[in-house]
Amino acid sequence: MPDRFADHAQGLTAPADHAFAITPHDGADLDEVTRALYVGSGGNLAIVFAGGSEASLLNVQSGTVLPVRCRRIKATGTTATDLVGLL
């Protein structure tokens, strides 16, 4: 199948072309820093951003795509589930 965009550089605003399941963990970083985060079942997120700062995002709705570059989703403080990292 042809891919017309295979030779184009992919910026942060381009659509994701890779995804991986995320299991929140207090001490382990994700395998890769995300471009965005999909929240399948809503709740709270305890995020460590790519730059190292931390934030709690409260009441994130199911089906939300957050344009955040994160390196860890902490288990403590995270109630949202079915999380997918988008690259």
N, C-alpha and C. Protein backbone atom coordinates (compact mmCIF):
# COMPACT_ATOMS: atom_id res chain seq x y z
N MET A 1 0.84 -1.16 0.00
CA MET A 1 0.00 0.00 0.00
C MET A 1 0.90 1.24 0.00
N PRO A 2 0.65 2.18 -0.88
CA PRO A 2 1.48 3.39 -0.93
C PRO A 2 1.23 4.29 0.28
N ASP A 3 2.26 4.97 0.72
CA ASP A 3 2.17 5.96 1.79
C ASP A 3 2.73 7.27 1.25
N ARG A 4 1.88 8.18 0.89
CA ARG A 4 2.30 9.44 0.28
C ARG A 4 3.14 10.30 1.21
N PHE A 5 3.08 10.02 2.50
CA PHE A 5 3.77 10.86 3.46
C PHE A 5 4.99 10.19 4.09
N ALA A 6 5.41 9.08 3.56
CA ALA A 6 6.53 8.33 4.13
C ALA A 6 7.83 9.14 4.16
N ASP A 7 8.00 10.05 3.22
CA ASP A 7 9.24 10.83 3.13
C ASP A 7 9.15 12.19 3.83
N HIS A 8 8.05 12.47 4.47
CA HIS A 8 7.87 13.75 5.15
C HIS A 8 8.32 13.65 6.60
N ALA A 9 8.92 14.74 7.08
CA ALA A 9 9.27 14.80 8.50
C ALA A 9 8.00 14.88 9.32
N GLN A 10 7.98 14.20 10.45
CA GLN A 10 6.79 14.17 11.28
C GLN A 10 6.98 15.10 12.48
N GLY A 11 6.22 16.19 12.51
CA GLY A 11 6.28 17.15 13.61
C GLY A 11 5.30 16.77 14.71
N LEU A 12 5.31 17.56 15.77
CA LEU A 12 4.44 17.27 16.90
C LEU A 12 2.97 17.46 16.59
N THR A 13 2.65 18.22 15.55
CA THR A 13 1.24 18.45 15.21
C THR A 13 0.73 17.45 14.18
N ALA A 14 1.60 16.59 13.68
CA ALA A 14 1.18 15.58 12.70
C ALA A 14 0.40 14.47 13.41
N PRO A 15 -0.45 13.76 12.68
CA PRO A 15 -1.18 12.64 13.29
C PRO A 15 -0.21 11.57 13.80
N ALA A 16 -0.63 10.90 14.85
CA ALA A 16 0.18 9.80 15.41
C ALA A 16 0.25 8.65 14.41
N ASP A 17 1.38 7.96 14.41
CA ASP A 17 1.50 6.78 13.55
C ASP A 17 1.94 5.54 14.33
N HIS A 18 1.92 5.65 15.66
CA HIS A 18 2.29 4.53 16.52
C HIS A 18 1.56 4.69 17.85
N ALA A 19 1.21 3.59 18.49
CA ALA A 19 0.53 3.63 19.78
C ALA A 19 1.00 2.48 20.65
N PHE A 20 0.92 2.67 21.97
CA PHE A 20 1.26 1.60 22.90
C PHE A 20 0.44 1.75 24.18
N ALA A 21 0.10 0.62 24.78
CA ALA A 21 -0.67 0.62 26.02
C ALA A 21 0.20 1.13 27.16
N ILE A 22 -0.43 1.85 28.07
CA ILE A 22 0.28 2.40 29.23
C ILE A 22 -0.30 1.81 30.51
N THR A 23 0.59 1.28 31.34
CA THR A 23 0.23 0.84 32.68
C THR A 23 0.88 1.82 33.65
N PRO A 24 0.10 2.59 34.39
CA PRO A 24 0.69 3.55 35.33
C PRO A 24 1.63 2.87 36.32
N HIS A 25 2.72 3.57 36.65
CA HIS A 25 3.73 3.04 37.56
C HIS A 25 4.40 4.23 38.25
N ASP A 26 4.59 4.15 39.54
CA ASP A 26 5.18 5.27 40.27
C ASP A 26 6.67 5.45 40.02
N GLY A 27 7.39 4.38 39.69
CA GLY A 27 8.84 4.49 39.60
C GLY A 27 9.45 4.27 38.23
N ALA A 28 8.67 3.82 37.26
CA ALA A 28 9.25 3.49 35.95
C ALA A 28 8.73 4.42 34.86
N ASP A 29 9.67 4.96 34.08
CA ASP A 29 9.30 5.77 32.93
C ASP A 29 8.72 4.88 31.83
N LEU A 30 7.96 5.50 30.93
CA LEU A 30 7.46 4.80 29.76
C LEU A 30 8.63 4.43 28.85
N ASP A 31 8.41 3.51 27.94
CA ASP A 31 9.46 3.13 26.99
C ASP A 31 9.83 4.30 26.08
N GLU A 32 8.86 5.15 25.77
CA GLU A 32 9.10 6.32 24.93
C GLU A 32 8.29 7.49 25.46
N VAL A 33 8.77 8.70 25.23
CA VAL A 33 8.01 9.91 25.56
C VAL A 33 6.88 10.04 24.56
N THR A 34 5.69 10.31 25.05
CA THR A 34 4.52 10.38 24.18
C THR A 34 4.46 11.71 23.42
N ARG A 35 3.71 11.70 22.34
CA ARG A 35 3.32 12.92 21.63
C ARG A 35 1.95 13.35 22.13
N ALA A 36 1.14 12.36 22.48
CA ALA A 36 -0.21 12.59 23.00
C ALA A 36 -0.61 11.38 23.82
N LEU A 37 -1.69 11.55 24.55
CA LEU A 37 -2.17 10.50 25.44
C LEU A 37 -3.67 10.34 25.22
N TYR A 38 -4.10 9.10 24.95
CA TYR A 38 -5.52 8.79 24.81
C TYR A 38 -6.02 8.21 26.12
N VAL A 39 -7.14 8.72 26.61
CA VAL A 39 -7.75 8.25 27.85
C VAL A 39 -9.02 7.51 27.48
N GLY A 40 -9.01 6.19 27.60
CA GLY A 40 -10.17 5.39 27.23
C GLY A 40 -11.30 5.48 28.23
N SER A 41 -10.98 5.35 29.51
CA SER A 41 -11.97 5.46 30.59
C SER A 41 -11.53 6.58 31.51
N GLY A 42 -12.38 7.58 31.64
CA GLY A 42 -12.02 8.83 32.31
C GLY A 42 -11.68 8.69 33.78
N GLY A 43 -11.07 9.75 34.28
CA GLY A 43 -10.66 9.84 35.68
C GLY A 43 -9.54 10.85 35.83
N ASN A 44 -8.73 10.67 36.84
CA ASN A 44 -7.60 11.56 37.12
C ASN A 44 -6.31 10.96 36.57
N LEU A 45 -5.37 11.85 36.21
CA LEU A 45 -4.05 11.43 35.73
C LEU A 45 -2.98 12.14 36.54
N ALA A 46 -1.99 11.39 37.00
CA ALA A 46 -0.81 11.96 37.64
C ALA A 46 0.32 11.80 36.64
N ILE A 47 0.72 12.90 36.03
CA ILE A 47 1.65 12.87 34.89
C ILE A 47 3.01 13.43 35.28
N VAL A 48 4.07 12.81 34.77
CA VAL A 48 5.40 13.40 34.78
C VAL A 48 5.69 13.76 33.32
N PHE A 49 5.82 15.05 33.05
CA PHE A 49 6.03 15.52 31.69
C PHE A 49 7.45 15.22 31.23
N ALA A 50 7.66 15.33 29.94
CA ALA A 50 8.98 15.05 29.34
C ALA A 50 10.07 15.88 30.01
N GLY A 51 9.76 17.11 30.38
CA GLY A 51 10.74 18.00 31.00
C GLY A 51 10.97 17.75 32.49
N GLY A 52 10.18 16.85 33.09
CA GLY A 52 10.38 16.49 34.49
C GLY A 52 9.36 17.08 35.45
N SER A 53 8.60 18.09 35.03
CA SER A 53 7.59 18.63 35.94
C SER A 53 6.43 17.66 36.08
N GLU A 54 5.69 17.81 37.17
CA GLU A 54 4.58 16.90 37.45
C GLU A 54 3.29 17.69 37.59
N ALA A 55 2.18 17.04 37.22
CA ALA A 55 0.87 17.67 37.36
C ALA A 55 -0.18 16.60 37.53
N SER A 56 -1.25 16.97 38.21
CA SER A 56 -2.43 16.12 38.30
C SER A 56 -3.49 16.73 37.42
N LEU A 57 -4.00 15.95 36.48
CA LEU A 57 -5.08 16.39 35.60
C LEU A 57 -6.34 15.70 36.10
N LEU A 58 -7.29 16.49 36.57
CA LEU A 58 -8.46 15.95 37.24
C LEU A 58 -9.66 15.86 36.31
N ASN A 59 -10.44 14.80 36.50
CA ASN A 59 -11.70 14.62 35.78
C ASN A 59 -11.56 14.63 34.26
N VAL A 60 -10.55 13.96 33.75
CA VAL A 60 -10.38 13.85 32.30
C VAL A 60 -11.47 12.92 31.77
N GLN A 61 -12.17 13.35 30.76
CA GLN A 61 -13.30 12.60 30.22
C GLN A 61 -12.85 11.40 29.39
N SER A 62 -13.66 10.36 29.37
CA SER A 62 -13.41 9.19 28.52
C SER A 62 -13.33 9.62 27.06
N GLY A 63 -12.40 9.03 26.33
CA GLY A 63 -12.27 9.31 24.91
C GLY A 63 -11.47 10.56 24.58
N THR A 64 -10.84 11.16 25.58
CA THR A 64 -10.06 12.38 25.38
C THR A 64 -8.67 12.05 24.85
N VAL A 65 -8.20 12.87 23.90
CA VAL A 65 -6.81 12.82 23.46
C VAL A 65 -6.15 14.09 23.97
N LEU A 66 -5.15 13.93 24.83
CA LEU A 66 -4.43 15.06 25.41
C LEU A 66 -3.11 15.25 24.67
N PRO A 67 -2.83 16.43 24.15
CA PRO A 67 -1.56 16.67 23.45
C PRO A 67 -0.43 16.94 24.44
N VAL A 68 -0.04 15.91 25.18
CA VAL A 68 0.98 16.06 26.21
C VAL A 68 2.15 15.13 25.94
N ARG A 69 3.35 15.67 26.14
CA ARG A 69 4.56 14.86 26.04
C ARG A 69 4.91 14.44 27.46
N CYS A 70 4.61 13.18 27.77
CA CYS A 70 4.87 12.69 29.13
C CYS A 70 5.83 11.51 29.08
N ARG A 71 6.58 11.39 30.17
CA ARG A 71 7.53 10.27 30.27
C ARG A 71 7.08 9.23 31.29
N ARG A 72 6.08 9.60 32.14
CA ARG A 72 5.58 8.65 33.14
C ARG A 72 4.15 9.02 33.49
N ILE A 73 3.35 7.99 33.71
CA ILE A 73 2.03 8.15 34.31
C ILE A 73 2.11 7.43 35.65
N LYS A 74 1.98 8.17 36.72
CA LYS A 74 2.10 7.58 38.06
C LYS A 74 0.85 6.80 38.43
N ALA A 75 1.04 5.69 39.11
CA ALA A 75 -0.09 4.89 39.60
C ALA A 75 -0.82 5.62 40.73
N THR A 76 -0.04 6.22 41.62
CA THR A 76 -0.63 6.97 42.73
C THR A 76 -1.23 8.25 42.18
N GLY A 77 -2.53 8.40 42.34
CA GLY A 77 -3.21 9.59 41.86
C GLY A 77 -3.88 9.43 40.51
N THR A 78 -3.62 8.30 39.84
CA THR A 78 -4.25 8.05 38.54
C THR A 78 -5.41 7.09 38.72
N THR A 79 -6.59 7.53 38.31
CA THR A 79 -7.78 6.69 38.35
C THR A 79 -8.30 6.40 36.94
N ALA A 80 -7.84 7.16 35.95
CA ALA A 80 -8.22 6.90 34.56
C ALA A 80 -7.60 5.58 34.12
N THR A 81 -8.27 4.87 33.22
CA THR A 81 -7.76 3.58 32.74
C THR A 81 -7.83 3.54 31.21
N ASP A 82 -7.38 2.43 30.68
CA ASP A 82 -7.35 2.22 29.22
C ASP A 82 -6.55 3.35 28.56
N LEU A 83 -5.36 3.58 29.07
CA LEU A 83 -4.49 4.65 28.59
C LEU A 83 -3.63 4.16 27.43
N VAL A 84 -3.48 5.01 26.41
CA VAL A 84 -2.69 4.67 25.25
C VAL A 84 -1.77 5.85 24.94
N GLY A 85 -0.47 5.56 24.83
CA GLY A 85 0.50 6.57 24.41
C GLY A 85 0.51 6.65 22.90
N LEU A 86 0.46 7.85 22.36
CA LEU A 86 0.49 8.06 20.92
C LEU A 86 1.80 8.71 20.52
N LEU A 87 2.38 8.20 19.44
CA LEU A 87 3.64 8.74 18.92
C LEU A 87 3.48 9.15 17.48
